[in-house]
Amino acid sequence: MTFNAVPFMEPSQDFITAGSTEIWEYINPNHDAHPMHVHLVNFQVLNRQPIDAAGYQADYEKWIDGGGHSGGHGHGH
């Protein structure tokens, strides 16, 4: 499993300032209703919308193949 093309268990390079607010986008290209979740933080869902999962996956793979991943520095998405 990866997060922005970085292995999930890789140490994080993202350090968030205590008390700050972030907006994340979770994108689920699968039909699984529970593929990801967060622990130990408060969060609010701002929006839910359907996506073209096959189109998203194709674009994501092009992004990865083109070197678009951040090399461990994440996008916060």
PDB file of N, CA and C in Angstrom:
ATOM      1  N   MET A   1       0.843  -1.167   0.000  1.00  0.00           N
ATOM      2  CA  MET A   1       0.000   0.000   0.000  1.00  0.00           C
ATOM      3  C   MET A   1       0.893   1.236   0.000  1.00  0.00           C
ATOM      4  N   THR A   2       0.499   2.230  -0.760  1.00  0.00           N
ATOM      5  CA  THR A   2       1.273   3.465  -0.815  1.00  0.00           C
ATOM      6  C   THR A   2       0.383   4.672  -0.547  1.00  0.00           C
ATOM      7  N   PHE A   3       1.016   5.768  -0.220  1.00  0.00           N
ATOM      8  CA  PHE A   3       0.356   7.056  -0.015  1.00  0.00           C
ATOM      9  C   PHE A   3       1.151   8.056  -0.837  1.00  0.00           C
ATOM     10  N   ASN A   4       0.557   8.553  -1.907  1.00  0.00           N
ATOM     11  CA  ASN A   4       1.282   9.409  -2.855  1.00  0.00           C
ATOM     12  C   ASN A   4       2.556   8.731  -3.340  1.00  0.00           C
ATOM     13  N   ALA A   5       2.429   7.442  -3.640  1.00  0.00           N
ATOM     14  CA  ALA A   5       3.510   6.612  -4.186  1.00  0.00           C
ATOM     15  C   ALA A   5       4.644   6.343  -3.196  1.00  0.00           C
ATOM     16  N   VAL A   6       4.428   6.615  -1.932  1.00  0.00           N
ATOM     17  CA  VAL A   6       5.414   6.332  -0.884  1.00  0.00           C
ATOM     18  C   VAL A   6       4.865   5.161  -0.063  1.00  0.00           C
ATOM     19  N   PRO A   7       5.688   4.143   0.222  1.00  0.00           N
ATOM     20  CA  PRO A   7       5.188   3.016   1.018  1.00  0.00           C
ATOM     21  C   PRO A   7       4.560   3.485   2.331  1.00  0.00           C
ATOM     22  N   PHE A   8       3.452   2.863   2.683  1.00  0.00           N
ATOM     23  CA  PHE A   8       2.670   3.275   3.842  1.00  0.00           C
ATOM     24  C   PHE A   8       3.493   3.326   5.127  1.00  0.00           C
ATOM     25  N   MET A   9       4.389   2.368   5.324  1.00  0.00           N
ATOM     26  CA  MET A   9       5.165   2.296   6.562  1.00  0.00           C
ATOM     27  C   MET A   9       6.423   3.172   6.533  1.00  0.00           C
ATOM     28  N   GLU A  10       6.668   3.872   5.438  1.00  0.00           N
ATOM     29  CA  GLU A  10       7.815   4.791   5.337  1.00  0.00           C
ATOM     30  C   GLU A  10       7.640   5.917   6.366  1.00  0.00           C
ATOM     31  N   PRO A  11       8.724   6.341   7.026  1.00  0.00           N
ATOM     32  CA  PRO A  11       8.584   7.455   7.978  1.00  0.00           C
ATOM     33  C   PRO A  11       8.031   8.701   7.285  1.00  0.00           C
ATOM     34  N   SER A  12       7.169   9.395   7.954  1.00  0.00           N
ATOM     35  CA  SER A  12       6.549  10.595   7.394  1.00  0.00           C
ATOM     36  C   SER A  12       7.533  11.749   7.346  1.00  0.00           C
ATOM     37  N   GLN A  13       7.450  12.516   6.284  1.00  0.00           N
ATOM     38  CA  GLN A  13       8.222  13.744   6.171  1.00  0.00           C
ATOM     39  C   GLN A  13       7.324  14.954   6.392  1.00  0.00           C
ATOM     40  N   ASP A  14       6.032  14.710   6.646  1.00  0.00           N
ATOM     41  CA  ASP A  14       5.070  15.784   6.864  1.00  0.00           C
ATOM     42  C   ASP A  14       4.916  16.016   8.355  1.00  0.00           C
ATOM     43  N   PHE A  15       5.245  17.193   8.803  1.00  0.00           N
ATOM     44  CA  PHE A  15       5.100  17.548  10.207  1.00  0.00           C
ATOM     45  C   PHE A  15       4.137  18.717  10.294  1.00  0.00           C
ATOM     46  N   ILE A  16       3.025  18.481  10.944  1.00  0.00           N
ATOM     47  CA  ILE A  16       1.936  19.441  11.013  1.00  0.00           C
ATOM     48  C   ILE A  16       2.023  20.218  12.316  1.00  0.00           C
ATOM     49  N   THR A  17       1.819  21.505  12.243  1.00  0.00           N
ATOM     50  CA  THR A  17       1.846  22.362  13.423  1.00  0.00           C
ATOM     51  C   THR A  17       0.616  22.092  14.281  1.00  0.00           C
ATOM     52  N   ALA A  18       0.823  21.893  15.569  1.00  0.00           N
ATOM     53  CA  ALA A  18      -0.297  21.647  16.489  1.00  0.00           C
ATOM     54  C   ALA A  18      -1.308  22.785  16.382  1.00  0.00           C
ATOM     55  N   GLY A  19      -2.589  22.437  16.323  1.00  0.00           N
ATOM     56  CA  GLY A  19      -3.654  23.420  16.254  1.00  0.00           C
ATOM     57  C   GLY A  19      -3.977  23.899  14.853  1.00  0.00           C
ATOM     58  N   SER A  20      -3.229  23.435  13.854  1.00  0.00           N
ATOM     59  CA  SER A  20      -3.494  23.869  12.485  1.00  0.00           C
ATOM     60  C   SER A  20      -4.655  23.072  11.890  1.00  0.00           C
ATOM     61  N   THR A  21      -5.162  23.546  10.783  1.00  0.00           N
ATOM     62  CA  THR A  21      -6.256  22.884  10.072  1.00  0.00           C
ATOM     63  C   THR A  21      -5.766  22.487   8.695  1.00  0.00           C
ATOM     64  N   GLU A  22      -6.121  21.293   8.268  1.00  0.00           N
ATOM     65  CA  GLU A  22      -5.778  20.806   6.930  1.00  0.00           C
ATOM     66  C   GLU A  22      -7.041  20.310   6.251  1.00  0.00           C
ATOM     67  N   ILE A  23      -7.050  20.367   4.953  1.00  0.00           N
ATOM     68  CA  ILE A  23      -8.124  19.754   4.168  1.00  0.00           C
ATOM     69  C   ILE A  23      -7.489  18.645   3.349  1.00  0.00           C
ATOM     70  N   TRP A  24      -7.956  17.434   3.575  1.00  0.00           N
ATOM     71  CA  TRP A  24      -7.460  16.253   2.873  1.00  0.00           C
ATOM     72  C   TRP A  24      -8.520  15.771   1.903  1.00  0.00           C
ATOM     73  N   GLU A  25      -8.078  15.146   0.830  1.00  0.00           N
ATOM     74  CA  GLU A  25      -8.979  14.497  -0.111  1.00  0.00           C
ATOM     75  C   GLU A  25      -8.669  13.006  -0.098  1.00  0.00           C
ATOM     76  N   TYR A  26      -9.618  12.216   0.367  1.00  0.00           N
ATOM     77  CA  TYR A  26      -9.516  10.761   0.281  1.00  0.00           C
ATOM     78  C   TYR A  26     -10.204  10.352  -1.004  1.00  0.00           C
ATOM     79  N   ILE A  27      -9.503   9.602  -1.821  1.00  0.00           N
ATOM     80  CA  ILE A  27     -10.092   9.121  -3.069  1.00  0.00           C
ATOM     81  C   ILE A  27     -10.060   7.606  -3.031  1.00  0.00           C
ATOM     82  N   ASN A  28     -11.225   7.012  -3.155  1.00  0.00           N
ATOM     83  CA  ASN A  28     -11.362   5.554  -3.103  1.00  0.00           C
ATOM     84  C   ASN A  28     -11.745   5.043  -4.482  1.00  0.00           C
ATOM     85  N   PRO A  29     -10.784   4.548  -5.268  1.00  0.00           N
ATOM     86  CA  PRO A  29     -11.124   4.033  -6.591  1.00  0.00           C
ATOM     87  C   PRO A  29     -11.700   2.620  -6.547  1.00  0.00           C
ATOM     88  N   ASN A  30     -11.806   2.043  -5.369  1.00  0.00           N
ATOM     89  CA  ASN A  30     -12.349   0.690  -5.212  1.00  0.00           C
ATOM     90  C   ASN A  30     -13.831   0.754  -4.854  1.00  0.00           C
ATOM     91  N   HIS A  31     -14.450  -0.394  -4.839  1.00  0.00           N
ATOM     92  CA  HIS A  31     -15.845  -0.458  -4.428  1.00  0.00           C
ATOM     93  C   HIS A  31     -15.986  -0.827  -2.955  1.00  0.00           C
ATOM     94  N   ASP A  32     -14.860  -0.915  -2.257  1.00  0.00           N
ATOM     95  CA  ASP A  32     -14.859  -1.237  -0.840  1.00  0.00           C
ATOM     96  C   ASP A  32     -15.304  -0.008  -0.054  1.00  0.00           C
ATOM     97  N   ALA A  33     -16.269  -0.181   0.816  1.00  0.00           N
ATOM     98  CA  ALA A  33     -16.816   0.964   1.560  1.00  0.00           C
ATOM     99  C   ALA A  33     -15.928   1.395   2.729  1.00  0.00           C
ATOM    100  N   HIS A  34     -14.920   0.610   3.086  1.00  0.00           N
ATOM    101  CA  HIS A  34     -14.112   0.929   4.264  1.00  0.00           C
ATOM    102  C   HIS A  34     -12.624   0.678   4.003  1.00  0.00           C
ATOM    103  N   PRO A  35     -12.032   1.277   2.981  1.00  0.00           N
ATOM    104  CA  PRO A  35     -10.628   0.992   2.683  1.00  0.00           C
ATOM    105  C   PRO A  35      -9.641   1.820   3.491  1.00  0.00           C
ATOM    106  N   MET A  36     -10.086   2.916   4.088  1.00  0.00           N
ATOM    107  CA  MET A  36      -9.164   3.786   4.806  1.00  0.00           C
ATOM    108  C   MET A  36      -9.909   4.529   5.900  1.00  0.00           C
ATOM    109  N   HIS A  37      -9.193   4.864   6.939  1.00  0.00           N
ATOM    110  CA  HIS A  37      -9.787   5.610   8.036  1.00  0.00           C
ATOM    111  C   HIS A  37      -8.654   6.223   8.858  1.00  0.00           C
ATOM    112  N   VAL A  38      -8.992   7.147   9.707  1.00  0.00           N
ATOM    113  CA  VAL A  38      -7.982   7.820  10.523  1.00  0.00           C
ATOM    114  C   VAL A  38      -8.232   7.524  11.994  1.00  0.00           C
ATOM    115  N   HIS A  39      -7.177   7.596  12.778  1.00  0.00           N
ATOM    116  CA  HIS A  39      -7.256   7.365  14.208  1.00  0.00           C
ATOM    117  C   HIS A  39      -6.676   8.561  14.949  1.00  0.00           C
ATOM    118  N   LEU A  40      -7.147   8.780  16.147  1.00  0.00           N
ATOM    119  CA  LEU A  40      -6.567   9.728  17.098  1.00  0.00           C
ATOM    120  C   LEU A  40      -6.619  11.190  16.653  1.00  0.00           C
ATOM    121  N   VAL A  41      -7.530  11.521  15.745  1.00  0.00           N
ATOM    122  CA  VAL A  41      -7.714  12.912  15.334  1.00  0.00           C
ATOM    123  C   VAL A  41      -9.205  13.188  15.195  1.00  0.00           C
ATOM    124  N   ASN A  42      -9.577  14.431  15.345  1.00  0.00           N
ATOM    125  CA  ASN A  42     -10.944  14.845  15.054  1.00  0.00           C
ATOM    126  C   ASN A  42     -10.990  15.292  13.602  1.00  0.00           C
ATOM    127  N   PHE A  43     -12.057  14.922  12.903  1.00  0.00           N
ATOM    128  CA  PHE A  43     -12.181  15.356  11.523  1.00  0.00           C
ATOM    129  C   PHE A  43     -13.646  15.526  11.167  1.00  0.00           C
ATOM    130  N   GLN A  44     -13.878  16.271  10.118  1.00  0.00           N
ATOM    131  CA  GLN A  44     -15.226  16.536   9.633  1.00  0.00           C
ATOM    132  C   GLN A  44     -15.242  16.279   8.133  1.00  0.00           C
ATOM    133  N   VAL A  45     -16.216  15.516   7.675  1.00  0.00           N
ATOM    134  CA  VAL A  45     -16.382  15.281   6.245  1.00  0.00           C
ATOM    135  C   VAL A  45     -17.031  16.529   5.647  1.00  0.00           C
ATOM    136  N   LEU A  46     -16.377  17.126   4.658  1.00  0.00           N
ATOM    137  CA  LEU A  46     -16.889  18.339   4.038  1.00  0.00           C
ATOM    138  C   LEU A  46     -17.671  18.053   2.764  1.00  0.00           C
ATOM    139  N   ASN A  47     -17.370  16.909   2.117  1.00  0.00           N
ATOM    140  CA  ASN A  47     -17.977  16.639   0.819  1.00  0.00           C
ATOM    141  C   ASN A  47     -17.809  15.168   0.484  1.00  0.00           C
ATOM    142  N   ARG A  48     -18.784  14.632  -0.224  1.00  0.00           N
ATOM    143  CA  ARG A  48     -18.676  13.290  -0.807  1.00  0.00           C
ATOM    144  C   ARG A  48     -19.214  13.388  -2.210  1.00  0.00           C
ATOM    145  N   GLN A  49     -18.521  12.739  -3.136  1.00  0.00           N
ATOM    146  CA  GLN A  49     -18.998  12.772  -4.516  1.00  0.00           C
ATOM    147  C   GLN A  49     -18.492  11.553  -5.264  1.00  0.00           C
ATOM    148  N   PRO A  50     -19.251  11.083  -6.241  1.00  0.00           N
ATOM    149  CA  PRO A  50     -18.797   9.940  -7.045  1.00  0.00           C
ATOM    150  C   PRO A  50     -17.658  10.374  -7.973  1.00  0.00           C
ATOM    151  N   ILE A  51     -16.821   9.402  -8.341  1.00  0.00           N
ATOM    152  CA  ILE A  51     -15.728   9.683  -9.269  1.00  0.00           C
ATOM    153  C   ILE A  51     -15.704   8.618 -10.351  1.00  0.00           C
ATOM    154  N   ASP A  52     -15.009   8.905 -11.421  1.00  0.00           N
ATOM    155  CA  ASP A  52     -14.723   7.929 -12.472  1.00  0.00           C
ATOM    156  C   ASP A  52     -13.481   7.166 -12.002  1.00  0.00           C
ATOM    157  N   ALA A  53     -13.691   6.046 -11.309  1.00  0.00           N
ATOM    158  CA  ALA A  53     -12.587   5.318 -10.682  1.00  0.00           C
ATOM    159  C   ALA A  53     -11.554   4.844 -11.699  1.00  0.00           C
ATOM    160  N   ALA A  54     -11.998   4.316 -12.841  1.00  0.00           N
ATOM    161  CA  ALA A  54     -11.043   3.834 -13.847  1.00  0.00           C
ATOM    162  C   ALA A  54     -10.227   4.994 -14.416  1.00  0.00           C
ATOM    163  N   GLY A  55     -10.879   6.114 -14.689  1.00  0.00           N
ATOM    164  CA  GLY A  55     -10.178   7.283 -15.206  1.00  0.00           C
ATOM    165  C   GLY A  55      -9.199   7.834 -14.191  1.00  0.00           C
ATOM    166  N   TYR A  56      -9.619   7.888 -12.922  1.00  0.00           N
ATOM    167  CA  TYR A  56      -8.728   8.367 -11.861  1.00  0.00           C
ATOM    168  C   TYR A  56      -7.496   7.472 -11.757  1.00  0.00           C
ATOM    169  N   GLN A  57      -7.702   6.156 -11.750  1.00  0.00           N
ATOM    170  CA  GLN A  57      -6.590   5.213 -11.620  1.00  0.00           C
ATOM    171  C   GLN A  57      -5.619   5.369 -12.789  1.00  0.00           C
ATOM    172  N   ALA A  58      -6.148   5.538 -14.006  1.00  0.00           N
ATOM    173  CA  ALA A  58      -5.283   5.718 -15.176  1.00  0.00           C
ATOM    174  C   ALA A  58      -4.461   6.999 -15.047  1.00  0.00           C
ATOM    175  N   ASP A  59      -5.084   8.089 -14.622  1.00  0.00           N
ATOM    176  CA  ASP A  59      -4.364   9.349 -14.448  1.00  0.00           C
ATOM    177  C   ASP A  59      -3.317   9.244 -13.333  1.00  0.00           C
ATOM    178  N   TYR A  60      -3.673   8.553 -12.250  1.00  0.00           N
ATOM    179  CA  TYR A  60      -2.735   8.374 -11.140  1.00  0.00           C
ATOM    180  C   TYR A  60      -1.501   7.603 -11.605  1.00  0.00           C
ATOM    181  N   GLU A  61      -1.710   6.540 -12.372  1.00  0.00           N
ATOM    182  CA  GLU A  61      -0.578   5.751 -12.862  1.00  0.00           C
ATOM    183  C   GLU A  61       0.305   6.574 -13.803  1.00  0.00           C
ATOM    184  N   LYS A  62      -0.293   7.427 -14.631  1.00  0.00           N
ATOM    185  CA  LYS A  62       0.500   8.323 -15.487  1.00  0.00           C
ATOM    186  C   LYS A  62       1.322   9.283 -14.630  1.00  0.00           C
ATOM    187  N   TRP A  63       0.711   9.793 -13.563  1.00  0.00           N
ATOM    188  CA  TRP A  63       1.405  10.710 -12.657  1.00  0.00           C
ATOM    189  C   TRP A  63       2.607  10.013 -12.013  1.00  0.00           C
ATOM    190  N   ILE A  64       2.401   8.780 -11.541  1.00  0.00           N
ATOM    191  CA  ILE A  64       3.485   8.014 -10.922  1.00  0.00           C
ATOM    192  C   ILE A  64       4.577   7.729 -11.951  1.00  0.00           C
ATOM    193  N   ASP A  65       4.181   7.253 -13.129  1.00  0.00           N
ATOM    194  CA  ASP A  65       5.162   6.927 -14.173  1.00  0.00           C
ATOM    195  C   ASP A  65       5.950   8.154 -14.612  1.00  0.00           C
ATOM    196  N   GLY A  66       5.351   9.328 -14.522  1.00  0.00           N
ATOM    197  CA  GLY A  66       6.007  10.562 -14.913  1.00  0.00           C
ATOM    198  C   GLY A  66       6.853  11.175 -13.816  1.00  0.00           C
ATOM    199  N   GLY A  67       6.986  10.480 -12.674  1.00  0.00           N
ATOM    200  CA  GLY A  67       7.803  10.993 -11.582  1.00  0.00           C
ATOM    201  C   GLY A  67       7.075  12.009 -10.716  1.00  0.00           C
ATOM    202  N   GLY A  68       5.744  12.005 -10.760  1.00  0.00           N
ATOM    203  CA  GLY A  68       4.959  12.977 -10.016  1.00  0.00           C
ATOM    204  C   GLY A  68       4.935  12.772  -8.522  1.00  0.00           C
ATOM    205  N   HIS A  69       5.365  11.612  -8.055  1.00  0.00           N
ATOM    206  CA  HIS A  69       5.337  11.392  -6.605  1.00  0.00           C
ATOM    207  C   HIS A  69       6.375  12.273  -5.939  1.00  0.00           C
ATOM    208  N   SER A  70       6.156  12.521  -4.672  1.00  0.00           N
ATOM    209  CA  SER A  70       6.960  13.512  -3.963  1.00  0.00           C
ATOM    210  C   SER A  70       8.181  12.945  -3.259  1.00  0.00           C
ATOM    211  N   GLY A  71       8.454  11.669  -3.432  1.00  0.00           N
ATOM    212  CA  GLY A  71       9.644  11.094  -2.814  1.00  0.00           C
ATOM    213  C   GLY A  71       9.631  11.124  -1.304  1.00  0.00           C
ATOM    214  N   GLY A  72       8.433  10.968  -0.709  1.00  0.00           N
ATOM    215  CA  GLY A  72       8.337  10.906   0.744  1.00  0.00           C
ATOM    216  C   GLY A  72       7.883  12.196   1.374  1.00  0.00           C
ATOM    217  N   HIS A  73       7.612  13.211   0.579  1.00  0.00           N
ATOM    218  CA  HIS A  73       7.207  14.474   1.162  1.00  0.00           C
ATOM    219  C   HIS A  73       5.706  14.719   1.066  1.00  0.00           C
ATOM    220  N   GLY A  74       4.947  13.769   0.509  1.00  0.00           N
ATOM    221  CA  GLY A  74       3.484  13.824   0.518  1.00  0.00           C
ATOM    222  C   GLY A  74       2.882  15.122   0.034  1.00  0.00           C
ATOM    223  N   HIS A  75       1.631  15.064  -0.279  1.00  0.00           N
ATOM    224  CA  HIS A  75       0.893  16.255  -0.686  1.00  0.00           C
ATOM    225  C   HIS A  75      -0.088  16.662   0.393  1.00  0.00           C
ATOM    226  N   GLY A  76      -0.273  15.834   1.414  1.00  0.00           N
ATOM    227  CA  GLY A  76      -1.290  16.121   2.422  1.00  0.00           C
ATOM    228  C   GLY A  76      -2.668  15.819   1.909  1.00  0.00           C
ATOM    229  N   HIS A  77      -2.778  15.058   0.829  1.00  0.00           N
ATOM    230  CA  HIS A  77      -4.078  14.686   0.282  1.00  0.00           C
ATOM    231  C   HIS A  77      -4.307  13.214   0.507  1.00  0.00           C
TER     232      HIS A  77
END
